[in-house]
N, C-alpha and C. Protein backbone atom coordinates (compact mmCIF):
# COMPACT_ATOMS: atom_id res chain seq x y z
N MET A 1 0.82 -1.20 0.00
CA MET A 1 0.00 0.00 0.00
C MET A 1 0.87 1.26 0.00
N ALA A 2 1.99 1.18 0.68
CA ALA A 2 2.87 2.34 0.74
C ALA A 2 3.45 2.67 -0.63
N SER A 3 3.78 1.63 -1.41
CA SER A 3 4.35 1.88 -2.74
C SER A 3 3.29 2.48 -3.68
N PHE A 4 2.03 2.06 -3.52
CA PHE A 4 0.96 2.64 -4.33
C PHE A 4 0.76 4.11 -3.98
N LYS A 5 0.80 4.44 -2.69
CA LYS A 5 0.68 5.84 -2.26
C LYS A 5 1.85 6.66 -2.79
N ALA A 6 3.03 6.08 -2.77
CA ALA A 6 4.21 6.78 -3.28
C ALA A 6 4.03 7.07 -4.77
N PHE A 7 3.55 6.07 -5.54
CA PHE A 7 3.31 6.27 -6.97
C PHE A 7 2.22 7.32 -7.18
N LEU A 8 1.13 7.24 -6.42
CA LEU A 8 0.02 8.17 -6.55
C LEU A 8 0.46 9.61 -6.34
N ASN A 9 1.37 9.83 -5.43
CA ASN A 9 1.82 11.18 -5.10
C ASN A 9 3.15 11.56 -5.75
N SER A 10 3.68 10.69 -6.63
CA SER A 10 4.97 10.99 -7.24
C SER A 10 4.82 12.08 -8.30
N PRO A 11 5.93 12.69 -8.71
CA PRO A 11 5.89 13.75 -9.72
C PRO A 11 5.45 13.27 -11.11
N VAL A 12 5.46 11.96 -11.36
CA VAL A 12 4.98 11.43 -12.63
C VAL A 12 3.76 10.53 -12.43
N GLY A 13 3.13 10.67 -11.30
CA GLY A 13 1.97 9.84 -10.97
C GLY A 13 0.69 10.36 -11.61
N PRO A 14 -0.42 9.66 -11.34
CA PRO A 14 -1.71 9.99 -11.98
C PRO A 14 -2.32 11.32 -11.58
N LYS A 15 -1.69 12.04 -10.71
CA LYS A 15 -2.19 13.38 -10.36
C LYS A 15 -1.55 14.46 -11.22
N THR A 16 -0.76 14.05 -12.21
CA THR A 16 -0.02 15.02 -13.03
C THR A 16 -0.26 14.81 -14.52
N THR A 17 0.05 15.84 -15.29
CA THR A 17 -0.03 15.71 -16.75
C THR A 17 1.10 14.84 -17.29
N HIS A 18 2.17 14.66 -16.49
CA HIS A 18 3.26 13.78 -16.91
C HIS A 18 2.78 12.34 -17.04
N PHE A 19 1.66 12.02 -16.44
CA PHE A 19 1.07 10.69 -16.53
C PHE A 19 -0.03 10.64 -17.58
N TRP A 20 -0.97 11.57 -17.56
CA TRP A 20 -2.16 11.50 -18.41
C TRP A 20 -1.88 11.85 -19.87
N GLY A 21 -0.91 12.69 -20.15
CA GLY A 21 -0.56 12.99 -21.54
C GLY A 21 -0.11 11.75 -22.29
N PRO A 22 0.90 11.03 -21.78
CA PRO A 22 1.31 9.80 -22.44
C PRO A 22 0.22 8.73 -22.49
N ILE A 23 -0.59 8.65 -21.46
CA ILE A 23 -1.68 7.66 -21.46
C ILE A 23 -2.63 7.98 -22.62
N GLY A 24 -2.92 9.26 -22.85
CA GLY A 24 -3.77 9.66 -23.97
C GLY A 24 -3.15 9.28 -25.31
N ASN A 25 -1.84 9.40 -25.43
CA ASN A 25 -1.14 9.04 -26.67
C ASN A 25 -1.29 7.56 -27.00
N TRP A 26 -1.46 6.73 -26.00
CA TRP A 26 -1.58 5.30 -26.24
C TRP A 26 -2.85 4.95 -27.00
N GLY A 27 -3.83 5.85 -27.05
CA GLY A 27 -5.03 5.62 -27.85
C GLY A 27 -4.68 5.47 -29.33
N PHE A 28 -3.77 6.32 -29.83
CA PHE A 28 -3.32 6.22 -31.22
C PHE A 28 -2.60 4.89 -31.46
N ILE A 29 -1.78 4.51 -30.52
CA ILE A 29 -0.98 3.30 -30.66
C ILE A 29 -1.88 2.06 -30.66
N ILE A 30 -2.82 2.02 -29.74
CA ILE A 30 -3.74 0.88 -29.66
C ILE A 30 -4.59 0.78 -30.92
N ALA A 31 -5.06 1.91 -31.43
CA ALA A 31 -5.84 1.90 -32.67
C ALA A 31 -5.01 1.36 -33.83
N GLY A 32 -3.76 1.76 -33.90
CA GLY A 32 -2.87 1.26 -34.95
C GLY A 32 -2.61 -0.23 -34.82
N LEU A 33 -2.43 -0.69 -33.60
CA LEU A 33 -2.20 -2.12 -33.38
C LEU A 33 -3.43 -2.95 -33.73
N VAL A 34 -4.61 -2.44 -33.42
CA VAL A 34 -5.84 -3.14 -33.78
C VAL A 34 -5.95 -3.23 -35.30
N ASP A 35 -5.58 -2.16 -35.99
CA ASP A 35 -5.65 -2.14 -37.44
C ASP A 35 -4.68 -3.12 -38.10
N THR A 36 -3.63 -3.54 -37.40
CA THR A 36 -2.70 -4.49 -38.00
C THR A 36 -3.33 -5.86 -38.19
N GLN A 37 -4.46 -6.10 -37.55
CA GLN A 37 -5.15 -7.38 -37.69
C GLN A 37 -6.07 -7.40 -38.91
N LYS A 38 -6.31 -6.26 -39.50
CA LYS A 38 -7.17 -6.18 -40.68
C LYS A 38 -6.37 -6.52 -41.93
N PRO A 39 -7.04 -7.02 -42.97
CA PRO A 39 -6.30 -7.31 -44.21
C PRO A 39 -5.75 -6.02 -44.83
N PRO A 40 -4.61 -6.11 -45.50
CA PRO A 40 -3.99 -4.91 -46.09
C PRO A 40 -4.90 -4.17 -47.07
N GLU A 41 -5.83 -4.89 -47.71
CA GLU A 41 -6.73 -4.25 -48.67
C GLU A 41 -7.65 -3.22 -47.99
N MET A 42 -7.84 -3.38 -46.70
CA MET A 42 -8.71 -2.45 -45.96
C MET A 42 -7.97 -1.20 -45.48
N ILE A 43 -6.66 -1.18 -45.64
CA ILE A 43 -5.89 -0.03 -45.18
C ILE A 43 -6.15 1.13 -46.12
N SER A 44 -6.52 2.24 -45.57
CA SER A 44 -6.76 3.44 -46.36
C SER A 44 -5.42 4.11 -46.65
N ARG A 45 -5.08 4.20 -47.94
CA ARG A 45 -3.82 4.85 -48.32
C ARG A 45 -3.81 6.29 -47.84
N ASN A 46 -4.93 6.98 -48.05
CA ASN A 46 -4.97 8.39 -47.68
C ASN A 46 -4.80 8.59 -46.18
N MET A 47 -5.55 7.82 -45.39
CA MET A 47 -5.47 7.98 -43.94
C MET A 47 -4.11 7.56 -43.41
N THR A 48 -3.59 6.45 -43.92
CA THR A 48 -2.29 5.98 -43.45
C THR A 48 -1.20 6.96 -43.87
N SER A 49 -1.30 7.50 -45.07
CA SER A 49 -0.31 8.49 -45.52
C SER A 49 -0.35 9.72 -44.63
N VAL A 50 -1.56 10.17 -44.33
CA VAL A 50 -1.70 11.33 -43.44
C VAL A 50 -1.09 11.02 -42.09
N MET A 51 -1.39 9.82 -41.57
CA MET A 51 -0.83 9.45 -40.27
C MET A 51 0.69 9.34 -40.34
N CYS A 52 1.22 8.87 -41.48
CA CYS A 52 2.67 8.77 -41.61
C CYS A 52 3.32 10.14 -41.77
N VAL A 53 2.68 11.01 -42.55
CA VAL A 53 3.18 12.38 -42.64
C VAL A 53 3.11 13.02 -41.26
N TYR A 54 1.97 12.79 -40.61
CA TYR A 54 1.82 13.27 -39.23
C TYR A 54 2.92 12.65 -38.38
N SER A 55 3.16 11.35 -38.58
CA SER A 55 4.20 10.68 -37.80
C SER A 55 5.59 11.19 -38.16
N ALA A 56 5.81 11.51 -39.46
CA ALA A 56 7.11 12.04 -39.85
C ALA A 56 7.34 13.39 -39.18
N VAL A 57 6.32 14.23 -39.23
CA VAL A 57 6.40 15.50 -38.51
C VAL A 57 6.51 15.21 -37.02
N MET A 58 5.71 14.22 -36.60
CA MET A 58 5.74 13.84 -35.20
C MET A 58 7.07 13.19 -34.83
N CYS A 59 7.77 12.63 -35.83
CA CYS A 59 9.06 12.01 -35.55
C CYS A 59 10.02 13.07 -35.00
N VAL A 60 10.05 14.22 -35.66
CA VAL A 60 10.87 15.33 -35.17
C VAL A 60 10.33 15.78 -33.82
N TYR A 61 9.01 15.97 -33.78
CA TYR A 61 8.35 16.36 -32.54
C TYR A 61 8.60 15.30 -31.47
N SER A 62 8.44 14.02 -31.87
CA SER A 62 8.63 12.94 -30.91
C SER A 62 10.08 12.87 -30.45
N ALA A 63 11.01 13.07 -31.38
CA ALA A 63 12.42 13.06 -30.99
C ALA A 63 12.70 14.16 -29.97
N LEU A 64 12.13 15.33 -30.22
CA LEU A 64 12.31 16.42 -29.25
C LEU A 64 11.66 16.07 -27.92
N PHE A 65 10.46 15.48 -27.98
CA PHE A 65 9.78 15.13 -26.74
C PHE A 65 10.44 13.94 -26.05
N MET A 66 11.02 13.02 -26.84
CA MET A 66 11.75 11.92 -26.20
C MET A 66 12.96 12.48 -25.45
N ARG A 67 13.63 13.44 -26.08
CA ARG A 67 14.76 14.08 -25.40
C ARG A 67 14.28 14.81 -24.16
N PHE A 68 13.17 15.55 -24.30
CA PHE A 68 12.60 16.25 -23.16
C PHE A 68 12.25 15.26 -22.05
N ALA A 69 11.60 14.15 -22.44
CA ALA A 69 11.19 13.15 -21.45
C ALA A 69 12.40 12.57 -20.73
N TRP A 70 13.53 12.49 -21.46
CA TRP A 70 14.74 11.95 -20.86
C TRP A 70 15.41 12.99 -19.95
N MET A 71 15.39 14.26 -20.37
CA MET A 71 16.12 15.30 -19.64
C MET A 71 15.37 15.86 -18.44
N VAL A 72 14.04 15.85 -18.53
CA VAL A 72 13.25 16.43 -17.44
C VAL A 72 13.43 15.56 -16.19
N GLN A 73 13.38 16.20 -15.07
CA GLN A 73 13.49 15.47 -13.81
C GLN A 73 12.16 15.53 -13.09
N PRO A 74 11.57 14.42 -12.75
CA PRO A 74 12.02 13.06 -12.97
C PRO A 74 11.80 12.66 -14.42
N ARG A 75 12.58 11.70 -14.89
CA ARG A 75 12.48 11.25 -16.29
C ARG A 75 11.10 10.66 -16.54
N ASN A 76 10.54 11.01 -17.71
CA ASN A 76 9.20 10.54 -18.06
C ASN A 76 9.32 9.44 -19.11
N TYR A 77 9.57 8.23 -18.67
CA TYR A 77 9.73 7.09 -19.57
C TYR A 77 8.45 6.78 -20.33
N LEU A 78 7.31 6.97 -19.69
CA LEU A 78 6.03 6.68 -20.33
C LEU A 78 5.84 7.57 -21.57
N LEU A 79 6.19 8.83 -21.49
CA LEU A 79 6.09 9.75 -22.63
C LEU A 79 7.06 9.34 -23.74
N MET A 80 8.27 8.99 -23.37
CA MET A 80 9.27 8.62 -24.35
C MET A 80 8.85 7.36 -25.11
N VAL A 81 8.38 6.36 -24.42
CA VAL A 81 7.98 5.11 -25.05
C VAL A 81 6.73 5.29 -25.91
N SER A 82 5.79 6.13 -25.49
CA SER A 82 4.56 6.31 -26.26
C SER A 82 4.86 6.97 -27.62
N HIS A 83 5.76 7.92 -27.66
CA HIS A 83 6.11 8.56 -28.93
C HIS A 83 6.85 7.60 -29.86
N ALA A 84 7.77 6.83 -29.33
CA ALA A 84 8.50 5.86 -30.15
C ALA A 84 7.56 4.77 -30.67
N SER A 85 6.63 4.33 -29.85
CA SER A 85 5.69 3.27 -30.25
C SER A 85 4.75 3.76 -31.34
N ASN A 86 4.27 4.98 -31.25
CA ASN A 86 3.35 5.51 -32.26
C ASN A 86 4.04 5.57 -33.62
N GLU A 87 5.24 6.04 -33.65
CA GLU A 87 5.98 6.12 -34.91
C GLU A 87 6.16 4.73 -35.51
N THR A 88 6.51 3.78 -34.70
CA THR A 88 6.73 2.41 -35.17
C THR A 88 5.47 1.80 -35.76
N VAL A 89 4.35 1.94 -35.08
CA VAL A 89 3.09 1.36 -35.54
C VAL A 89 2.66 1.99 -36.87
N GLN A 90 2.76 3.30 -37.00
CA GLN A 90 2.32 3.95 -38.23
C GLN A 90 3.21 3.58 -39.41
N LEU A 91 4.50 3.47 -39.21
CA LEU A 91 5.39 3.07 -40.29
C LEU A 91 5.15 1.62 -40.69
N TYR A 92 4.83 0.77 -39.74
CA TYR A 92 4.49 -0.62 -40.05
C TYR A 92 3.23 -0.68 -40.90
N GLN A 93 2.22 0.11 -40.55
CA GLN A 93 0.98 0.12 -41.33
C GLN A 93 1.24 0.59 -42.76
N LEU A 94 2.05 1.62 -42.92
CA LEU A 94 2.36 2.11 -44.27
C LEU A 94 3.11 1.04 -45.06
N SER A 95 4.00 0.32 -44.42
CA SER A 95 4.72 -0.74 -45.14
C SER A 95 3.79 -1.87 -45.54
N ARG A 96 2.81 -2.20 -44.71
CA ARG A 96 1.82 -3.23 -45.08
C ARG A 96 1.02 -2.79 -46.29
N TRP A 97 0.62 -1.53 -46.30
CA TRP A 97 -0.15 -1.02 -47.44
C TRP A 97 0.71 -1.05 -48.71
N ALA A 98 1.96 -0.58 -48.59
CA ALA A 98 2.86 -0.53 -49.76
C ALA A 98 3.12 -1.93 -50.31
N LYS A 99 3.28 -2.90 -49.44
CA LYS A 99 3.49 -4.29 -49.90
C LYS A 99 2.25 -4.81 -50.62
N SER A 100 1.08 -4.50 -50.09
CA SER A 100 -0.15 -5.00 -50.72
C SER A 100 -0.39 -4.35 -52.08
N GLN A 101 0.15 -3.17 -52.29
CA GLN A 101 -0.01 -2.48 -53.57
C GLN A 101 1.12 -2.80 -54.54
N GLY A 102 2.10 -3.56 -54.09
CA GLY A 102 3.21 -3.95 -54.94
C GLY A 102 4.36 -2.96 -54.97
N TYR A 103 4.33 -1.95 -54.12
CA TYR A 103 5.42 -0.98 -54.10
C TYR A 103 6.68 -1.55 -53.46
N LEU A 104 6.49 -2.42 -52.50
CA LEU A 104 7.62 -3.07 -51.85
C LEU A 104 7.57 -4.54 -52.19
N LYS A 105 8.54 -4.99 -52.93
CA LYS A 105 8.56 -6.39 -53.33
C LYS A 105 9.62 -7.12 -52.52
N LYS A 106 9.31 -8.36 -52.23
CA LYS A 106 10.28 -9.18 -51.50
C LYS A 106 11.46 -9.47 -52.42
N LYS A 107 12.64 -9.38 -51.85
CA LYS A 107 13.84 -9.72 -52.60
C LYS A 107 13.96 -11.23 -52.65
N THR A 108 14.21 -11.75 -53.83
CA THR A 108 14.38 -13.20 -53.98
C THR A 108 15.85 -13.48 -54.17
N ASP A 109 16.29 -14.50 -53.49
CA ASP A 109 17.69 -14.90 -53.63
C ASP A 109 17.81 -15.81 -54.83
N LYS A 110 18.55 -15.38 -55.82
CA LYS A 110 18.76 -16.17 -57.01
C LYS A 110 20.21 -16.62 -57.03
N ALA A 111 20.36 -17.92 -57.11
CA ALA A 111 21.73 -18.46 -57.19
C ALA A 111 22.17 -18.41 -58.66
N GLU A 112 23.19 -17.65 -58.92
CA GLU A 112 23.68 -17.53 -60.30
C GLU A 112 25.08 -18.03 -60.42
């Protein structure tokens, strides 16, 4: 019980934005992970492209925030991991779409 109280009252606990901001970001990540179970034909090129452009812009933003999360005291690991995870999920979705459209072809090993 003491450790729960310590977490509850900590500088990165649920009484702060250092906790709820990253938790909110996980909504994007969970939605992306759920979408990975759908067939590639159902992936919207436009929406995924927007999310990837958003993610590319967010990559710079995320990199800055990951650095911020690392440098701020106390370190906000939850924020850092949520930004890295969002970028990863969106790029995976774009690669699934590109493969289904034939833009990314598997390399075949040919013995010559």
